[in-house]
Every structure is written in structure tokens, then in C-alpha cells.
Amino acid sequence: MRLDKYLKVSRLIKRRTIANEACDAEKVSVNGKPARASYDVKEGDVIEISMGRTPLKVKVVKVAEVVGKDGASDLYEVI
């Protein structure tokens, strides 16, 4: 799954266009390297989002195309 879509489905970022812009501005890194929106997210990847005051670092636990609001937090764990 694309990185921008994963960020939207997991509700780490509310809109896919904002996720895409954050990737273009190099505010999102995967495994310590700046990542493009087209990056293919896999289980075990560590995503760091540095938008706002405090950076958010999460580990991908599961990748799913469609998830409800209640199950969105099951896709990752905060590090």
C-alpha cells in the first residue's frame, strides 16, 4: 500500500492530499530516510512524522486497505 494512503487509512493524517504534501516536504520518513508518497509500506516499517511540535514515531503492525474508525489504531504501535 502506498505511504500516503496508509497514513490516511490509519488516521495518522486526516486527508490523503495532506499526507502527500507532507511527503513532498520531507516531513515523513520511513526507517530513517525521507520517503515519497509512493513508497510501498510493509509490516515492520518505522514511520516518523515531524509535523507540529512533537514528532510522532510509529511501527507498522498491519497493512489493510479498508479499516473502520475503531480498528485504525490496530494498524500501528507508537514507539
C-alpha atoms as a PDB file:
ATOM      1  CA  MET A   1       0.000   0.000   0.000  1.00  0.00           C
ATOM      2  CA  ARG A   2       1.215   3.500  -0.795  1.00  0.00           C
ATOM      3  CA  LEU A   3       2.523   5.567   2.113  1.00  0.00           C
ATOM      4  CA  ASP A   4       0.058   8.427   1.653  1.00  0.00           C
ATOM      5  CA  LYS A   5      -2.870   6.013   1.602  1.00  0.00           C
ATOM      6  CA  TYR A   6      -1.589   4.174   4.690  1.00  0.00           C
ATOM      7  CA  LEU A   7      -1.312   7.433   6.623  1.00  0.00           C
ATOM      8  CA  LYS A   8      -4.912   8.255   5.726  1.00  0.00           C
ATOM      9  CA  VAL A   9      -6.349   4.760   6.390  1.00  0.00           C
ATOM     10  CA  SER A  10      -4.576   4.538   9.754  1.00  0.00           C
ATOM     11  CA  ARG A  11      -5.804   8.057  10.541  1.00  0.00           C
ATOM     12  CA  LEU A  12      -2.328   9.326  11.400  1.00  0.00           C
ATOM     13  CA  ILE A  13      -3.058  12.146   8.923  1.00  0.00           C
ATOM     14  CA  LYS A  14      -6.661  13.095   8.178  1.00  0.00           C
ATOM     15  CA  ARG A  15      -6.512  13.616   4.407  1.00  0.00           C
ATOM     16  CA  ARG A  16      -4.540  11.855   1.706  1.00  0.00           C
ATOM     17  CA  THR A  17      -3.676  15.144  -0.010  1.00  0.00           C
ATOM     18  CA  ILE A  18      -2.137  16.445   3.229  1.00  0.00           C
ATOM     19  CA  ALA A  19      -0.207  13.176   3.590  1.00  0.00           C
ATOM     20  CA  ASN A  20       1.031  13.580   0.021  1.00  0.00           C
ATOM     21  CA  GLU A  21       2.135  17.184   0.668  1.00  0.00           C
ATOM     22  CA  ALA A  22       3.902  16.147   3.898  1.00  0.00           C
ATOM     23  CA  CYS A  23       5.861  13.503   1.979  1.00  0.00           C
ATOM     24  CA  ASP A  24       6.815  16.039  -0.695  1.00  0.00           C
ATOM     25  CA  ALA A  25       8.044  18.429   2.015  1.00  0.00           C
ATOM     26  CA  GLU A  26      10.156  15.596   3.522  1.00  0.00           C
ATOM     27  CA  LYS A  27       8.265  15.695   6.832  1.00  0.00           C
ATOM     28  CA  VAL A  28       7.662  11.938   6.701  1.00  0.00           C
ATOM     29  CA  SER A  29      10.485   9.416   6.935  1.00  0.00           C
ATOM     30  CA  VAL A  30      10.434   5.631   6.817  1.00  0.00           C
ATOM     31  CA  ASN A  31      13.213   3.678   8.516  1.00  0.00           C
ATOM     32  CA  GLY A  32      15.221   6.883   8.967  1.00  0.00           C
ATOM     33  CA  LYS A  33      15.088   8.029   5.322  1.00  0.00           C
ATOM     34  CA  PRO A  34      12.786  10.648   3.775  1.00  0.00           C
ATOM     35  CA  ALA A  35      10.061   8.798   1.896  1.00  0.00           C
ATOM     36  CA  ARG A  36       7.967   9.658  -1.127  1.00  0.00           C
ATOM     37  CA  ALA A  37       4.193   9.249  -1.126  1.00  0.00           C
ATOM     38  CA  SER A  38       4.542   6.285  -3.494  1.00  0.00           C
ATOM     39  CA  TYR A  39       6.679   4.279  -1.027  1.00  0.00           C
ATOM     40  CA  ASP A  40       5.281   0.754  -0.529  1.00  0.00           C
ATOM     41  CA  VAL A  41       4.576   0.334   3.203  1.00  0.00           C
ATOM     42  CA  LYS A  42       5.364  -3.080   4.715  1.00  0.00           C
ATOM     43  CA  GLU A  43       4.862  -4.569   8.163  1.00  0.00           C
ATOM     44  CA  GLY A  44       7.767  -3.717  10.449  1.00  0.00           C
ATOM     45  CA  ASP A  45       8.489  -0.314   8.871  1.00  0.00           C
ATOM     46  CA  VAL A  46       9.097   2.581  11.273  1.00  0.00           C
ATOM     47  CA  ILE A  47       7.372   5.788  10.163  1.00  0.00           C
ATOM     48  CA  GLU A  48       8.295   9.156  11.662  1.00  0.00           C
ATOM     49  CA  ILE A  49       6.066  12.177  11.063  1.00  0.00           C
ATOM     50  CA  SER A  50       7.564  15.539  12.019  1.00  0.00           C
ATOM     51  CA  MET A  51       4.581  17.843  11.611  1.00  0.00           C
ATOM     52  CA  GLY A  52       3.758  20.133  14.505  1.00  0.00           C
ATOM     53  CA  ARG A  53       5.744  20.480  17.697  1.00  0.00           C
ATOM     54  CA  THR A  54       6.419  16.878  18.625  1.00  0.00           C
ATOM     55  CA  PRO A  55       7.429  14.219  16.109  1.00  0.00           C
ATOM     56  CA  LEU A  56       5.372  11.034  16.025  1.00  0.00           C
ATOM     57  CA  LYS A  57       7.156   7.704  15.582  1.00  0.00           C
ATOM     58  CA  VAL A  58       5.135   4.562  14.870  1.00  0.00           C
ATOM     59  CA  LYS A  59       5.840   0.982  13.856  1.00  0.00           C
ATOM     60  CA  VAL A  60       3.620  -0.604  11.205  1.00  0.00           C
ATOM     61  CA  VAL A  61       1.937  -3.674  12.675  1.00  0.00           C
ATOM     62  CA  LYS A  62      -0.577  -4.458   9.935  1.00  0.00           C
ATOM     63  CA  VAL A  63      -1.421  -3.183   6.447  1.00  0.00           C
ATOM     64  CA  ALA A  64      -5.101  -3.189   5.462  1.00  0.00           C
ATOM     65  CA  GLU A  65      -6.924  -1.460   2.599  1.00  0.00           C
ATOM     66  CA  VAL A  66     -10.172  -0.755   4.459  1.00  0.00           C
ATOM     67  CA  VAL A  67     -10.443  -0.253   8.210  1.00  0.00           C
ATOM     68  CA  GLY A  68     -13.165   1.246  10.371  1.00  0.00           C
ATOM     69  CA  LYS A  69     -12.591   4.098  12.759  1.00  0.00           C
ATOM     70  CA  ASP A  70     -12.281   1.728  15.719  1.00  0.00           C
ATOM     71  CA  GLY A  71      -9.699  -0.522  14.051  1.00  0.00           C
ATOM     72  CA  ALA A  72      -7.438   2.232  12.718  1.00  0.00           C
ATOM     73  CA  SER A  73      -5.203   2.243  15.789  1.00  0.00           C
ATOM     74  CA  ASP A  74      -4.610  -1.503  15.404  1.00  0.00           C
ATOM     75  CA  LEU A  75      -2.555  -0.852  12.255  1.00  0.00           C
ATOM     76  CA  TYR A  76       0.369   0.682  14.166  1.00  0.00           C
ATOM     77  CA  GLU A  77       2.003   0.989  17.581  1.00  0.00           C
ATOM     78  CA  VAL A  78       3.515   4.201  18.896  1.00  0.00           C
ATOM     79  CA  ILE A  79       7.207   3.987  19.736  1.00  0.00           C
END
